[in-house]
Protein backbone atom coordinates (compact mmCIF):
# COMPACT_ATOMS: atom_id res chain seq x y z
CA MET A 1 15.20 6.88 3.54
CA ASN A 2 13.37 7.98 6.67
CA LEU A 3 9.68 8.66 6.26
CA PRO A 4 8.85 12.25 7.27
CA ASP A 5 6.42 12.83 10.13
CA ALA A 6 3.76 14.26 7.79
CA LEU A 7 3.77 11.06 5.71
CA LEU A 8 3.81 8.83 8.79
CA GLY A 9 0.73 10.68 10.02
CA LEU A 10 -1.08 9.99 6.73
CA LEU A 11 -0.05 6.33 6.80
CA ARG A 12 -1.49 5.85 10.29
CA GLN A 13 -5.01 7.08 9.43
CA PRO A 14 -7.58 5.93 6.85
CA SER A 15 -5.91 7.77 3.97
CA SER A 16 -6.49 7.08 0.28
CA CYS A 17 -3.46 5.54 -1.38
CA PHE A 18 -2.99 5.27 -5.13
CA LEU A 19 -0.36 2.64 -5.91
CA THR A 20 1.24 2.50 -9.35
CA THR A 21 3.02 -0.61 -10.63
CA LEU A 22 4.44 -1.39 -14.06
CA MET A 23 2.75 -3.68 -16.58
CA PRO A 24 4.88 -6.09 -18.68
CA ASP A 25 4.98 -3.55 -21.53
CA GLY A 26 6.14 -0.80 -19.13
CA SER A 27 2.81 1.02 -19.00
CA PRO A 28 1.56 2.15 -15.58
CA GLN A 29 -1.20 0.35 -13.69
CA ILE A 30 -2.80 2.23 -10.80
CA THR A 31 -4.88 0.90 -7.90
CA LEU A 32 -6.66 2.61 -5.01
CA THR A 33 -5.68 0.72 -1.87
CA TRP A 34 -5.46 0.87 1.90
CA VAL A 35 -2.06 1.74 3.33
CA ASP A 36 -0.08 1.38 6.56
CA THR A 37 3.44 1.72 7.95
CA ASP A 38 5.74 -0.20 10.25
CA GLY A 39 7.34 3.13 11.18
CA THR A 40 10.19 2.68 8.69
CA ASN A 41 8.53 1.44 5.49
CA ILE A 42 5.17 1.63 3.75
CA LEU A 43 2.91 -1.44 3.94
CA ILE A 44 0.30 -2.50 1.40
CA ASN A 45 -1.92 -5.55 1.79
CA THR A 46 -3.09 -7.31 -1.37
CA VAL A 47 -4.12 -10.69 -2.76
CA ARG A 48 -1.85 -13.17 -4.54
CA GLY A 49 -2.72 -13.18 -8.24
CA HIS A 50 -4.01 -9.60 -8.43
CA GLN A 51 -2.45 -7.50 -11.20
CA LYS A 52 -0.40 -5.34 -8.84
CA ALA A 53 1.05 -8.45 -7.15
CA ARG A 54 1.99 -9.97 -10.53
CA ASN A 55 3.55 -6.69 -11.65
CA ILE A 56 5.59 -6.35 -8.44
CA GLU A 57 6.82 -9.93 -8.71
CA ARG A 58 8.29 -9.02 -12.10
CA ASP A 59 9.42 -5.44 -11.31
CA PRO A 60 9.48 -4.17 -7.71
CA ARG A 61 9.53 -0.46 -8.62
CA VAL A 62 6.42 1.41 -7.49
CA ALA A 63 5.08 4.92 -7.04
CA LEU A 64 2.28 5.93 -4.73
CA ALA A 65 0.37 8.96 -3.58
CA VAL A 66 -1.23 9.11 -0.14
CA SER A 67 -3.80 11.85 0.45
CA ASP A 68 -5.15 13.35 3.64
CA PRO A 69 -8.77 12.19 4.15
CA ALA A 70 -9.74 15.62 5.52
CA THR A 71 -7.93 17.63 2.82
CA PRO A 72 -7.36 15.46 -0.28
CA ALA A 73 -5.20 18.16 -1.95
CA ARG A 74 -2.66 17.57 0.87
CA TYR A 75 -0.70 14.49 -0.12
CA SER A 76 2.69 12.81 -0.20
CA ALA A 77 4.09 11.16 -3.30
CA VAL A 78 6.61 8.35 -2.99
CA ARG A 79 8.82 6.50 -5.43
CA GLY A 80 10.40 3.33 -4.18
CA ARG A 81 10.54 -0.42 -4.46
CA VAL A 82 8.98 -3.43 -2.82
CA VAL A 83 11.69 -5.01 -0.67
CA ASP A 84 9.62 -7.83 0.84
CA VAL A 85 6.49 -9.81 -0.02
CA THR A 86 5.19 -12.22 2.60
CA THR A 87 2.07 -14.07 3.63
CA ASP A 88 3.26 -14.02 7.27
CA GLY A 89 0.82 -11.89 9.26
CA ALA A 90 -0.96 -10.64 6.12
CA ALA A 91 -4.41 -12.02 7.06
CA GLU A 92 -4.15 -10.45 10.52
CA HIS A 93 -2.92 -7.20 8.98
CA ILE A 94 -5.96 -6.89 6.68
CA GLU A 95 -8.16 -7.20 9.78
CA THR A 96 -6.25 -4.31 11.40
CA LEU A 97 -6.69 -2.21 8.25
CA ALA A 98 -10.41 -3.04 8.08
CA GLN A 99 -10.87 -1.73 11.61
CA ARG A 100 -9.07 1.50 10.62
CA TYR A 101 -10.86 2.01 7.30
CA LEU A 102 -14.27 0.42 7.91
CA GLY A 103 -14.61 0.14 11.68
CA THR A 104 -15.62 -3.52 11.23
CA PRO A 105 -13.97 -6.90 10.60
CA TYR A 106 -12.70 -7.39 7.06
CA PRO A 107 -15.59 -8.57 4.81
CA TRP A 108 -13.31 -10.88 2.79
CA PHE A 109 -14.35 -9.71 -0.67
CA GLY A 110 -13.72 -12.66 -2.97
CA GLY A 111 -13.79 -15.25 -0.15
CA ARG A 112 -11.58 -16.43 2.67
CA ASP A 113 -9.64 -18.78 0.39
CA GLN A 114 -7.68 -15.81 -1.02
CA VAL A 115 -4.00 -15.69 -0.08
CA ARG A 116 -3.21 -12.29 1.44
CA LEU A 117 0.20 -10.73 0.79
CA LEU A 118 1.90 -8.02 2.83
CA LEU A 119 4.10 -5.77 0.67
CA THR A 120 6.89 -3.76 2.29
CA ILE A 121 7.90 -0.67 0.30
CA GLU A 122 11.17 1.17 0.88
CA ALA A 123 11.01 4.81 -0.20
CA ASP A 124 13.69 6.19 -2.52
CA ARG A 125 12.15 9.64 -3.07
CA ILE A 126 9.38 11.48 -1.21
CA THR A 127 7.68 14.73 -2.12
CA GLY A 128 4.69 16.34 -0.49
CA ILE A 129 2.17 19.11 -0.84
């Protein structure tokens, strides 16, 4: 599914993103995270071993909401699935996101020994307000 221009615009600025994954018992787990796009898919950067990464490894279905930083009531909601998880380029990608969100190099919360993962999400359904 093609990402609409309004969503692409949100993904290319420092927008809040709430990512929902599924726990082993099927209950939702939600995380506030930084977000990006490759122009076709949604990109999330995380750390190997974090709950969302463990959940996605078991069940790739996700839902997320991305809100406009200037008008938080303007948002896009997406249901989809993680189609790729890689370490390739993930450390460099978190530095790019840090510049967008913080205006500084990434502070490496938790230490530089963490393994960064780049999640690629393919959208199945998109709604927006």
